[in-house]
């Protein structure tokens, strides 16, 4: 910014007024609110999934993370994880970790 731009004050650090710092705080608050909404939307999607849909999602995570199907892993209690509305990625990691032990 130059001296002719709105908001410039040569006596302030970097020449910016407090409004410039407030805008950064507002933008950060907006990002946090958007993240919270995205997480709430994801929780709603998980809550609406049938067991079969959720299990297919777990399987896709296992394939991505381990390169094999969840059916190729030792038995894992998927029903309990589904009942607890555990995220499919968390369940996939736990099933993979169990297979390695």
N, C-alpha and C. Protein backbone atom coordinates (compact mmCIF):
# COMPACT_ATOMS: atom_id res chain seq x y z
N UNK A 1 0.84 -1.19 0.00
CA UNK A 1 0.00 0.00 0.00
C UNK A 1 0.88 1.24 0.00
N UNK A 2 0.37 2.25 -0.60
CA UNK A 2 1.11 3.51 -0.60
C UNK A 2 0.38 4.51 0.28
N UNK A 3 0.98 5.67 0.47
CA UNK A 3 0.41 6.70 1.33
C UNK A 3 -0.95 7.17 0.81
N UNK A 4 -1.22 7.05 -0.48
CA UNK A 4 -2.49 7.47 -1.04
C UNK A 4 -3.61 6.46 -0.87
N UNK A 5 -3.28 5.23 -0.49
CA UNK A 5 -4.28 4.19 -0.32
C UNK A 5 -5.01 4.34 1.00
N UNK A 6 -6.29 4.00 1.00
CA UNK A 6 -7.06 4.03 2.23
C UNK A 6 -6.50 3.02 3.22
N UNK A 7 -6.41 3.43 4.46
CA UNK A 7 -5.95 2.52 5.49
C UNK A 7 -4.48 2.62 5.81
N UNK A 8 -3.74 3.39 5.03
CA UNK A 8 -2.29 3.47 5.27
C UNK A 8 -2.00 4.49 6.37
N UNK A 9 -1.18 4.11 7.32
CA UNK A 9 -0.76 5.01 8.39
C UNK A 9 0.72 4.74 8.64
N UNK A 10 1.59 5.68 8.27
CA UNK A 10 3.03 5.45 8.40
C UNK A 10 3.51 5.26 9.83
N UNK A 11 2.69 5.61 10.82
CA UNK A 11 3.10 5.47 12.21
C UNK A 11 2.82 4.07 12.77
N UNK A 12 2.06 3.27 12.03
CA UNK A 12 1.76 1.91 12.49
C UNK A 12 2.74 0.92 11.88
N UNK A 13 3.00 -0.20 12.56
CA UNK A 13 3.90 -1.21 12.01
C UNK A 13 3.43 -1.67 10.64
N UNK A 14 4.25 -1.55 9.67
CA UNK A 14 3.89 -1.94 8.31
C UNK A 14 2.96 -0.95 7.64
N UNK A 15 2.52 0.08 8.35
CA UNK A 15 1.66 1.10 7.78
C UNK A 15 0.19 0.74 7.70
N UNK A 16 -0.23 -0.33 8.34
CA UNK A 16 -1.62 -0.77 8.22
C UNK A 16 -2.42 -0.42 9.46
N UNK A 17 -3.68 -0.12 9.23
CA UNK A 17 -4.57 0.18 10.34
C UNK A 17 -5.11 -1.11 10.95
N UNK A 18 -5.74 -0.97 12.10
CA UNK A 18 -6.28 -2.12 12.80
C UNK A 18 -7.30 -2.88 11.96
N UNK A 19 -8.00 -2.20 11.06
CA UNK A 19 -9.00 -2.85 10.23
C UNK A 19 -8.38 -3.98 9.40
N UNK A 20 -7.14 -3.82 9.00
CA UNK A 20 -6.47 -4.85 8.23
C UNK A 20 -6.27 -6.11 9.06
N UNK A 21 -5.96 -5.93 10.34
CA UNK A 21 -5.78 -7.08 11.22
C UNK A 21 -7.13 -7.71 11.53
N UNK A 22 -8.18 -6.89 11.71
CA UNK A 22 -9.51 -7.42 11.96
C UNK A 22 -9.99 -8.27 10.78
N UNK A 23 -9.67 -7.86 9.56
CA UNK A 23 -10.10 -8.61 8.37
C UNK A 23 -9.48 -10.00 8.38
N UNK A 24 -8.21 -10.10 8.75
CA UNK A 24 -7.57 -11.42 8.83
C UNK A 24 -8.28 -12.30 9.85
N UNK A 25 -8.64 -11.70 10.99
CA UNK A 25 -9.35 -12.46 12.02
C UNK A 25 -10.72 -12.90 11.52
N UNK A 26 -11.42 -12.03 10.79
CA UNK A 26 -12.72 -12.38 10.23
C UNK A 26 -12.60 -13.49 9.19
N UNK A 27 -11.58 -13.41 8.35
CA UNK A 27 -11.37 -14.46 7.35
C UNK A 27 -11.07 -15.79 8.00
N UNK A 28 -10.27 -15.77 9.05
CA UNK A 28 -9.96 -17.00 9.78
C UNK A 28 -11.21 -17.56 10.45
N UNK A 29 -12.03 -16.70 11.02
CA UNK A 29 -13.29 -17.14 11.63
C UNK A 29 -14.20 -17.76 10.56
N UNK A 30 -14.22 -17.17 9.38
CA UNK A 30 -15.02 -17.72 8.28
C UNK A 30 -14.54 -19.09 7.87
N UNK A 31 -13.21 -19.28 7.82
CA UNK A 31 -12.65 -20.60 7.48
C UNK A 31 -13.01 -21.63 8.55
N UNK A 32 -12.93 -21.22 9.82
CA UNK A 32 -13.30 -22.14 10.90
C UNK A 32 -14.77 -22.52 10.83
N UNK A 33 -15.64 -21.55 10.52
CA UNK A 33 -17.07 -21.83 10.41
C UNK A 33 -17.35 -22.77 9.23
N UNK A 34 -16.67 -22.56 8.12
CA UNK A 34 -16.85 -23.43 6.96
C UNK A 34 -16.38 -24.84 7.27
N UNK A 35 -15.26 -24.97 7.98
CA UNK A 35 -14.77 -26.29 8.38
C UNK A 35 -15.76 -26.99 9.31
N UNK A 36 -16.33 -26.24 10.25
CA UNK A 36 -17.30 -26.82 11.18
C UNK A 36 -18.53 -27.30 10.42
N UNK A 37 -18.99 -26.53 9.44
CA UNK A 37 -20.15 -26.94 8.64
C UNK A 37 -19.84 -28.19 7.84
N UNK A 38 -18.63 -28.25 7.26
CA UNK A 38 -18.24 -29.42 6.48
C UNK A 38 -18.21 -30.66 7.37
N UNK A 39 -17.68 -30.52 8.59
CA UNK A 39 -17.64 -31.66 9.51
C UNK A 39 -19.06 -32.09 9.91
N UNK A 40 -19.95 -31.12 10.13
CA UNK A 40 -21.33 -31.44 10.48
C UNK A 40 -22.02 -32.15 9.31
N UNK A 41 -21.76 -31.67 8.10
CA UNK A 41 -22.33 -32.32 6.91
C UNK A 41 -21.83 -33.75 6.79
N UNK A 42 -20.54 -33.96 7.05
CA UNK A 42 -19.98 -35.31 6.98
C UNK A 42 -20.61 -36.23 8.03
N UNK A 43 -20.82 -35.69 9.24
CA UNK A 43 -21.46 -36.50 10.29
C UNK A 43 -22.89 -36.87 9.88
N UNK A 44 -23.59 -35.92 9.26
CA UNK A 44 -24.96 -36.19 8.81
C UNK A 44 -24.96 -37.27 7.72
N UNK A 45 -23.99 -37.20 6.80
CA UNK A 45 -23.90 -38.22 5.75
C UNK A 45 -23.61 -39.59 6.36
N UNK A 46 -22.71 -39.64 7.35
CA UNK A 46 -22.40 -40.91 8.01
C UNK A 46 -23.63 -41.46 8.71
N UNK A 47 -24.39 -40.59 9.37
CA UNK A 47 -25.58 -41.03 10.10
C UNK A 47 -26.64 -41.59 9.16
N UNK A 48 -26.67 -41.08 7.92
CA UNK A 48 -27.68 -41.52 6.96
C UNK A 48 -27.26 -42.77 6.19
N UNK A 49 -26.00 -43.18 6.30
CA UNK A 49 -25.52 -44.34 5.54
C UNK A 49 -26.08 -45.64 6.11
N UNK A 50 -26.45 -46.53 5.21
CA UNK A 50 -26.80 -47.89 5.64
C UNK A 50 -25.50 -48.61 5.97
N UNK A 51 -25.63 -49.76 6.63
CA UNK A 51 -24.43 -50.53 6.95
C UNK A 51 -23.68 -50.91 5.67
N UNK A 52 -24.41 -51.30 4.65
CA UNK A 52 -23.78 -51.73 3.40
C UNK A 52 -23.01 -50.58 2.74
N UNK A 53 -23.60 -49.38 2.74
CA UNK A 53 -22.91 -48.21 2.17
C UNK A 53 -21.65 -47.88 2.98
N UNK A 54 -21.81 -47.92 4.29
CA UNK A 54 -20.68 -47.62 5.17
C UNK A 54 -19.57 -48.64 4.99
N UNK A 55 -19.95 -49.92 4.90
CA UNK A 55 -18.96 -51.00 4.74
C UNK A 55 -18.23 -50.88 3.41
N UNK A 56 -18.93 -50.46 2.36
CA UNK A 56 -18.29 -50.25 1.06
C UNK A 56 -17.29 -49.10 1.14
N UNK A 57 -17.63 -48.09 1.90
CA UNK A 57 -16.71 -46.96 2.10
C UNK A 57 -15.48 -47.41 2.88
N UNK A 58 -15.67 -48.23 3.91
CA UNK A 58 -14.54 -48.79 4.66
C UNK A 58 -13.65 -49.58 3.72
N UNK A 59 -14.26 -50.41 2.89
CA UNK A 59 -13.49 -51.23 1.95
C UNK A 59 -12.67 -50.36 1.00
N UNK A 60 -13.26 -49.26 0.52
CA UNK A 60 -12.50 -48.40 -0.39
C UNK A 60 -11.31 -47.76 0.33
N UNK A 61 -11.48 -47.43 1.62
CA UNK A 61 -10.34 -46.89 2.39
C UNK A 61 -9.26 -47.95 2.60
N UNK A 62 -9.67 -49.18 2.87
CA UNK A 62 -8.68 -50.27 3.04
C UNK A 62 -7.90 -50.46 1.75
N UNK A 63 -8.58 -50.45 0.62
CA UNK A 63 -7.90 -50.59 -0.67
C UNK A 63 -6.90 -49.45 -0.87
N UNK A 64 -7.33 -48.22 -0.56
CA UNK A 64 -6.43 -47.07 -0.72
C UNK A 64 -5.21 -47.15 0.20
N UNK A 65 -5.45 -47.57 1.44
CA UNK A 65 -4.38 -47.56 2.44
C UNK A 65 -3.48 -48.79 2.41
N UNK A 66 -4.05 -49.95 2.08
CA UNK A 66 -3.28 -51.20 2.17
C UNK A 66 -3.15 -51.93 0.85
N UNK A 67 -3.94 -51.55 -0.15
CA UNK A 67 -3.83 -52.20 -1.45
C UNK A 67 -4.53 -53.55 -1.53
N UNK A 68 -5.31 -53.88 -0.52
CA UNK A 68 -6.10 -55.12 -0.53
C UNK A 68 -7.52 -54.78 -0.10
N UNK A 69 -8.43 -55.70 -0.32
CA UNK A 69 -9.81 -55.51 0.11
C UNK A 69 -9.94 -55.78 1.60
N UNK A 70 -10.93 -55.19 2.22
CA UNK A 70 -11.18 -55.46 3.64
C UNK A 70 -11.52 -56.94 3.84
N UNK A 71 -12.07 -57.58 2.81
CA UNK A 71 -12.38 -59.02 2.90
C UNK A 71 -11.13 -59.87 2.98
N UNK A 72 -9.99 -59.32 2.57
CA UNK A 72 -8.72 -60.05 2.63
C UNK A 72 -8.05 -59.95 4.00
N UNK A 73 -8.58 -59.08 4.86
CA UNK A 73 -8.01 -58.89 6.20
C UNK A 73 -8.65 -59.88 7.18
N UNK A 74 -7.98 -60.13 8.31
CA UNK A 74 -8.61 -60.97 9.33
C UNK A 74 -9.92 -60.34 9.81
N UNK A 75 -10.75 -61.14 10.43
CA UNK A 75 -12.05 -60.66 10.91
C UNK A 75 -11.88 -59.42 11.79
N UNK A 76 -12.83 -58.50 11.62
CA UNK A 76 -12.86 -57.27 12.41
C UNK A 76 -14.32 -56.99 12.71
N UNK A 77 -14.60 -56.44 13.87
CA UNK A 77 -15.99 -56.20 14.27
C UNK A 77 -16.50 -54.90 13.64
N UNK A 78 -16.85 -54.98 12.38
CA UNK A 78 -17.34 -53.80 11.66
C UNK A 78 -18.69 -53.34 12.19
N UNK A 79 -19.51 -54.26 12.65
CA UNK A 79 -20.85 -53.89 13.13
C UNK A 79 -20.77 -52.94 14.32
N UNK A 80 -19.85 -53.20 15.25
CA UNK A 80 -19.70 -52.30 16.40
C UNK A 80 -19.22 -50.92 15.96
N UNK A 81 -18.27 -50.89 15.04
CA UNK A 81 -17.75 -49.61 14.56
C UNK A 81 -18.86 -48.83 13.86
N UNK A 82 -19.70 -49.52 13.09
CA UNK A 82 -20.83 -48.86 12.43
C UNK A 82 -21.83 -48.34 13.46
N UNK A 83 -22.14 -49.15 14.47
CA UNK A 83 -23.09 -48.75 15.51
C UNK A 83 -22.61 -47.51 16.25
N UNK A 84 -21.30 -47.38 16.40
CA UNK A 84 -20.72 -46.21 17.07
C UNK A 84 -20.53 -45.03 16.12
N UNK A 85 -20.94 -45.22 14.85
CA UNK A 85 -20.80 -44.19 13.81
C UNK A 85 -19.36 -43.74 13.65
N UNK A 86 -18.47 -44.72 13.72
CA UNK A 86 -17.06 -44.45 13.52
C UNK A 86 -16.82 -44.11 12.04
N UNK A 87 -15.94 -43.18 11.78
CA UNK A 87 -15.65 -42.80 10.39
C UNK A 87 -15.03 -44.00 9.67
N UNK A 88 -15.43 -44.24 8.42
CA UNK A 88 -14.90 -45.39 7.68
C UNK A 88 -13.37 -45.42 7.60
N UNK A 89 -12.74 -44.27 7.50
CA UNK A 89 -11.27 -44.24 7.42
C UNK A 89 -10.66 -44.72 8.74
N UNK A 90 -11.25 -44.31 9.85
CA UNK A 90 -10.76 -44.73 11.17
C UNK A 90 -10.91 -46.24 11.31
N UNK A 91 -12.05 -46.77 10.88
CA UNK A 91 -12.27 -48.22 10.95
C UNK A 91 -11.29 -48.96 10.05
N UNK A 92 -11.06 -48.43 8.84
CA UNK A 92 -10.11 -49.07 7.93
C UNK A 92 -8.72 -49.14 8.54
N UNK A 93 -8.29 -48.04 9.13
CA UNK A 93 -6.96 -48.03 9.77
C UNK A 93 -6.88 -49.03 10.91
N UNK A 94 -7.95 -49.11 11.71
CA UNK A 94 -7.95 -50.06 12.83
C UNK A 94 -7.91 -51.50 12.32
N UNK A 95 -8.66 -51.79 11.28
CA UNK A 95 -8.68 -53.15 10.73
C UNK A 95 -7.32 -53.52 10.15
N UNK A 96 -6.69 -52.57 9.48
CA UNK A 96 -5.34 -52.80 8.92
C UNK A 96 -4.34 -53.01 10.05
N UNK A 97 -4.41 -52.18 11.07
CA UNK A 97 -3.49 -52.31 12.22
C UNK A 97 -3.68 -53.67 12.88
N UNK A 98 -4.92 -54.11 13.01
CA UNK A 98 -5.21 -55.42 13.60
C UNK A 98 -4.60 -56.53 12.75
N UNK A 99 -4.64 -56.39 11.45
CA UNK A 99 -4.09 -57.41 10.55
C UNK A 99 -2.57 -57.51 10.66
N UNK A 100 -1.94 -56.40 10.99
CA UNK A 100 -0.47 -56.37 11.10
C UNK A 100 0.02 -56.96 12.42
N UNK A 101 -0.86 -57.02 13.41
CA UNK A 101 -0.44 -57.51 14.74
C UNK A 101 -0.41 -59.02 14.80
